[in-house]
Structures are given as structure tokens and as C-alpha cells.
Amino acid sequence: MEETSLGKIEVSATAIASLASQAVLECYGVVGMATKDLASGIIGILQLASHRRGVKVNININGGRIVVDLYVVIEYGTRIATVARNVQSVVKYTLEKALGAPVVAVNVHVQDLRVSAD
């Protein structure tokens, strides 16, 4: 993503997904991450690194522009639109601060609502 006098610095989509996932799970109203569909859910179960589940990252190599799709489960009784906007804002800020590259879009897909155990 960045050329320096010492060489090239590149951040993988997997690393970006980990950052995004951690930021999402710290947001109020988010119960957890979900999968895009059943096939992805089965693959997610088989993978050891499930902390990136529910995050899809698309990086435009030429412009260094990042698009993130998040598949979340939100707590029942919260305002869905407010929680989703908060997730967008927190993830965009976190990624831009960590990477120094523009995040073009953070798309939040609410996959389910759950009643929390509290």
C-alpha cells in the first residue's frame, strides 16, 4: 500500500478485517458478527480464525481505497439505524487512523436481532 525508501509496506485484507471486527464488537448494541449466508457460515465454522467472521474487505490497489462490508447481529430493542451508523463511524475512524488510507465505504448488513443475556 505504501512505498518507502526501505521498501514496500503492505497490509493484508485479513489484517484489516481483524481491525474492523474488533472495532465492531466494541460498539454499543452489537451482539456479534454473522455470516453472509449459510455456505459462508459452514466455512467460518471450519476455519480457526473466526474473529474475522462477518467482515469482507475490498482494497483498490491503485488508489489504496478500502471498502468494508460488515455482517452484524444487533441487540433487540435498540434503534437499528442508530447502531448501524455508529458502527460505520467507528470502523471508518479506526481503519483510517490505523492505516492512513481512505475508507470509501463501510456497508453494514444487519443479519439478525438477538435478545441479550443481561
C-alpha atoms as a PDB file:
ATOM      1  CA  MET A   1       0.000   0.000   0.000  1.00  0.00           C
ATOM      2  CA  GLU A   2       2.920   2.374   0.610  1.00  0.00           C
ATOM      3  CA  GLU A   3       6.393   2.672  -0.883  1.00  0.00           C
ATOM      4  CA  THR A   4       9.230   3.892   1.308  1.00  0.00           C
ATOM      5  CA  SER A   5      12.944   4.278   0.699  1.00  0.00           C
ATOM      6  CA  LEU A   6      13.471   0.992   2.531  1.00  0.00           C
ATOM      7  CA  GLY A   7      10.840  -0.976   0.648  1.00  0.00           C
ATOM      8  CA  LYS A   8       7.141  -1.650   0.393  1.00  0.00           C
ATOM      9  CA  ILE A   9       4.586  -1.663   3.241  1.00  0.00           C
ATOM     10  CA  GLU A  10       1.516  -3.761   2.586  1.00  0.00           C
ATOM     11  CA  VAL A  11      -1.383  -4.516   4.922  1.00  0.00           C
ATOM     12  CA  SER A  12      -3.407  -7.600   4.046  1.00  0.00           C
ATOM     13  CA  ALA A  13      -7.183  -7.713   3.823  1.00  0.00           C
ATOM     14  CA  THR A  14      -7.076 -10.233   6.681  1.00  0.00           C
ATOM     15  CA  ALA A  15      -5.353  -7.729   8.979  1.00  0.00           C
ATOM     16  CA  ILE A  16      -7.852  -5.030   8.008  1.00  0.00           C
ATOM     17  CA  ALA A  17     -10.720  -7.442   8.683  1.00  0.00           C
ATOM     18  CA  SER A  18      -9.324  -8.149  12.164  1.00  0.00           C
ATOM     19  CA  LEU A  19      -9.160  -4.421  12.954  1.00  0.00           C
ATOM     20  CA  ALA A  20     -12.701  -3.875  11.680  1.00  0.00           C
ATOM     21  CA  SER A  21     -14.091  -6.859  13.583  1.00  0.00           C
ATOM     22  CA  GLN A  22     -12.565  -5.688  16.852  1.00  0.00           C
ATOM     23  CA  ALA A  23     -13.977  -2.170  16.338  1.00  0.00           C
ATOM     24  CA  VAL A  24     -17.460  -3.530  15.577  1.00  0.00           C
ATOM     25  CA  LEU A  25     -17.598  -5.744  18.649  1.00  0.00           C
ATOM     26  CA  GLU A  26     -16.817  -2.742  20.873  1.00  0.00           C
ATOM     27  CA  CYS A  27     -19.864  -0.830  19.586  1.00  0.00           C
ATOM     28  CA  TYR A  28     -22.948  -0.461  21.783  1.00  0.00           C
ATOM     29  CA  GLY A  29     -25.879  -2.523  20.526  1.00  0.00           C
ATOM     30  CA  VAL A  30     -23.825  -5.075  18.595  1.00  0.00           C
ATOM     31  CA  VAL A  31     -24.263  -8.598  19.935  1.00  0.00           C
ATOM     32  CA  GLY A  32     -21.917 -10.291  17.469  1.00  0.00           C
ATOM     33  CA  MET A  33     -20.874 -10.878  13.901  1.00  0.00           C
ATOM     34  CA  ALA A  34     -22.786 -13.018  11.428  1.00  0.00           C
ATOM     35  CA  THR A  35     -22.033 -14.695   8.141  1.00  0.00           C
ATOM     36  CA  LYS A  36     -23.237 -13.520   4.766  1.00  0.00           C
ATOM     37  CA  ASP A  37     -25.014 -16.797   4.022  1.00  0.00           C
ATOM     38  CA  LEU A  38     -25.176 -20.475   5.031  1.00  0.00           C
ATOM     39  CA  ALA A  39     -22.201 -21.515   2.879  1.00  0.00           C
ATOM     40  CA  SER A  40     -20.054 -18.815   4.460  1.00  0.00           C
ATOM     41  CA  GLY A  41     -21.277 -19.942   7.872  1.00  0.00           C
ATOM     42  CA  ILE A  42     -20.107 -23.506   7.269  1.00  0.00           C
ATOM     43  CA  ILE A  43     -16.730 -22.279   6.038  1.00  0.00           C
ATOM     44  CA  GLY A  44     -16.497 -19.990   9.089  1.00  0.00           C
ATOM     45  CA  ILE A  45     -17.078 -22.936  11.411  1.00  0.00           C
ATOM     46  CA  LEU A  46     -14.286 -24.886   9.745  1.00  0.00           C
ATOM     47  CA  GLN A  47     -11.801 -22.010   9.928  1.00  0.00           C
ATOM     48  CA  LEU A  48      -9.805 -21.456  13.084  1.00  0.00           C
ATOM     49  CA  ALA A  49      -9.697 -17.654  12.738  1.00  0.00           C
ATOM     50  CA  SER A  50     -13.373 -16.906  13.337  1.00  0.00           C
ATOM     51  CA  HIS A  51     -12.607 -13.434  14.753  1.00  0.00           C
ATOM     52  CA  ARG A  52     -12.829 -12.129  11.169  1.00  0.00           C
ATOM     53  CA  ARG A  53     -16.212 -13.731  10.561  1.00  0.00           C
ATOM     54  CA  GLY A  54     -18.732 -11.288   9.156  1.00  0.00           C
ATOM     55  CA  VAL A  55     -16.186  -8.932   7.578  1.00  0.00           C
ATOM     56  CA  LYS A  56     -15.425  -8.618   3.872  1.00  0.00           C
ATOM     57  CA  VAL A  57     -12.686  -6.216   2.761  1.00  0.00           C
ATOM     58  CA  ASN A  58     -12.143  -4.956  -0.780  1.00  0.00           C
ATOM     59  CA  ILE A  59      -8.946  -2.999  -1.453  1.00  0.00           C
ATOM     60  CA  ASN A  60      -8.416  -0.987  -4.642  1.00  0.00           C
ATOM     61  CA  ILE A  61      -4.682  -1.450  -5.196  1.00  0.00           C
ATOM     62  CA  ASN A  62      -4.202   1.587  -7.443  1.00  0.00           C
ATOM     63  CA  GLY A  63      -5.872   4.149  -5.202  1.00  0.00           C
ATOM     64  CA  GLY A  64      -5.383   2.398  -1.879  1.00  0.00           C
ATOM     65  CA  ARG A  65      -9.113   2.840  -1.288  1.00  0.00           C
ATOM     66  CA  ILE A  66     -10.854   0.442   1.066  1.00  0.00           C
ATOM     67  CA  VAL A  67     -14.463  -0.793   1.113  1.00  0.00           C
ATOM     68  CA  VAL A  68     -15.657  -2.869   4.071  1.00  0.00           C
ATOM     69  CA  ASP A  69     -18.828  -4.963   4.306  1.00  0.00           C
ATOM     70  CA  LEU A  70     -19.905  -5.930   7.825  1.00  0.00           C
ATOM     71  CA  TYR A  71     -22.490  -8.569   8.683  1.00  0.00           C
ATOM     72  CA  VAL A  72     -23.698  -7.933  12.223  1.00  0.00           C
ATOM     73  CA  VAL A  73     -26.179  -9.124  14.822  1.00  0.00           C
ATOM     74  CA  ILE A  74     -27.769  -6.289  16.774  1.00  0.00           C
ATOM     75  CA  GLU A  75     -29.381  -6.357  20.199  1.00  0.00           C
ATOM     76  CA  TYR A  76     -33.173  -6.487  20.094  1.00  0.00           C
ATOM     77  CA  GLY A  77     -34.748  -3.263  21.361  1.00  0.00           C
ATOM     78  CA  THR A  78     -32.018  -0.892  20.171  1.00  0.00           C
ATOM     79  CA  ARG A  79     -32.505   1.557  17.324  1.00  0.00           C
ATOM     80  CA  ILE A  80     -31.094  -0.389  14.393  1.00  0.00           C
ATOM     81  CA  ALA A  81     -30.290   2.619  12.213  1.00  0.00           C
ATOM     82  CA  THR A  82     -28.505   4.403  15.066  1.00  0.00           C
ATOM     83  CA  VAL A  83     -26.394   1.349  15.929  1.00  0.00           C
ATOM     84  CA  ALA A  84     -25.545   0.799  12.243  1.00  0.00           C
ATOM     85  CA  ARG A  85     -24.470   4.445  11.782  1.00  0.00           C
ATOM     86  CA  ASN A  86     -22.334   4.193  14.922  1.00  0.00           C
ATOM     87  CA  VAL A  87     -20.689   1.024  13.571  1.00  0.00           C
ATOM     88  CA  GLN A  88     -19.949   2.782  10.271  1.00  0.00           C
ATOM     89  CA  SER A  89     -18.403   5.752  12.023  1.00  0.00           C
ATOM     90  CA  VAL A  90     -16.294   3.728  14.477  1.00  0.00           C
ATOM     91  CA  VAL A  91     -14.956   1.331  11.825  1.00  0.00           C
ATOM     92  CA  LYS A  92     -14.137   4.129   9.362  1.00  0.00           C
ATOM     93  CA  TYR A  93     -12.294   6.108  12.060  1.00  0.00           C
ATOM     94  CA  THR A  94     -10.426   3.064  13.396  1.00  0.00           C
ATOM     95  CA  LEU A  95      -9.241   1.894   9.972  1.00  0.00           C
ATOM     96  CA  GLU A  96      -8.239   5.323   8.686  1.00  0.00           C
ATOM     97  CA  LYS A  97      -6.333   6.041  11.898  1.00  0.00           C
ATOM     98  CA  ALA A  98      -4.506   2.696  11.817  1.00  0.00           C
ATOM     99  CA  LEU A  99      -3.834   2.504   8.078  1.00  0.00           C
ATOM    100  CA  GLY A 100      -3.553   6.091   6.913  1.00  0.00           C
ATOM    101  CA  ALA A 101      -5.581   5.165   3.835  1.00  0.00           C
ATOM    102  CA  PRO A 102      -9.062   6.377   2.927  1.00  0.00           C
ATOM    103  CA  VAL A 103     -12.032   4.141   3.682  1.00  0.00           C
ATOM    104  CA  VAL A 104     -14.510   4.788   0.893  1.00  0.00           C
ATOM    105  CA  ALA A 105     -17.453   2.877   2.345  1.00  0.00           C
ATOM    106  CA  VAL A 106     -18.459   0.850   5.363  1.00  0.00           C
ATOM    107  CA  ASN A 107     -21.561  -1.146   4.493  1.00  0.00           C
ATOM    108  CA  VAL A 108     -23.448  -2.576   7.471  1.00  0.00           C
ATOM    109  CA  HIS A 109     -25.697  -5.576   6.799  1.00  0.00           C
ATOM    110  CA  VAL A 110     -27.914  -6.406   9.788  1.00  0.00           C
ATOM    111  CA  GLN A 111     -28.332 -10.176   9.610  1.00  0.00           C
ATOM    112  CA  ASP A 112     -30.230 -10.826  12.841  1.00  0.00           C
ATOM    113  CA  LEU A 113     -31.576  -9.386  16.083  1.00  0.00           C
ATOM    114  CA  ARG A 114     -30.956 -11.099  19.412  1.00  0.00           C
ATOM    115  CA  VAL A 115     -32.090 -10.588  22.957  1.00  0.00           C
ATOM    116  CA  SER A 116     -29.007 -10.141  25.121  1.00  0.00           C
ATOM    117  CA  ALA A 117     -28.420 -12.376  28.136  1.00  0.00           C
ATOM    118  CA  ASP A 118     -28.298  -9.401  30.545  1.00  0.00           C
END
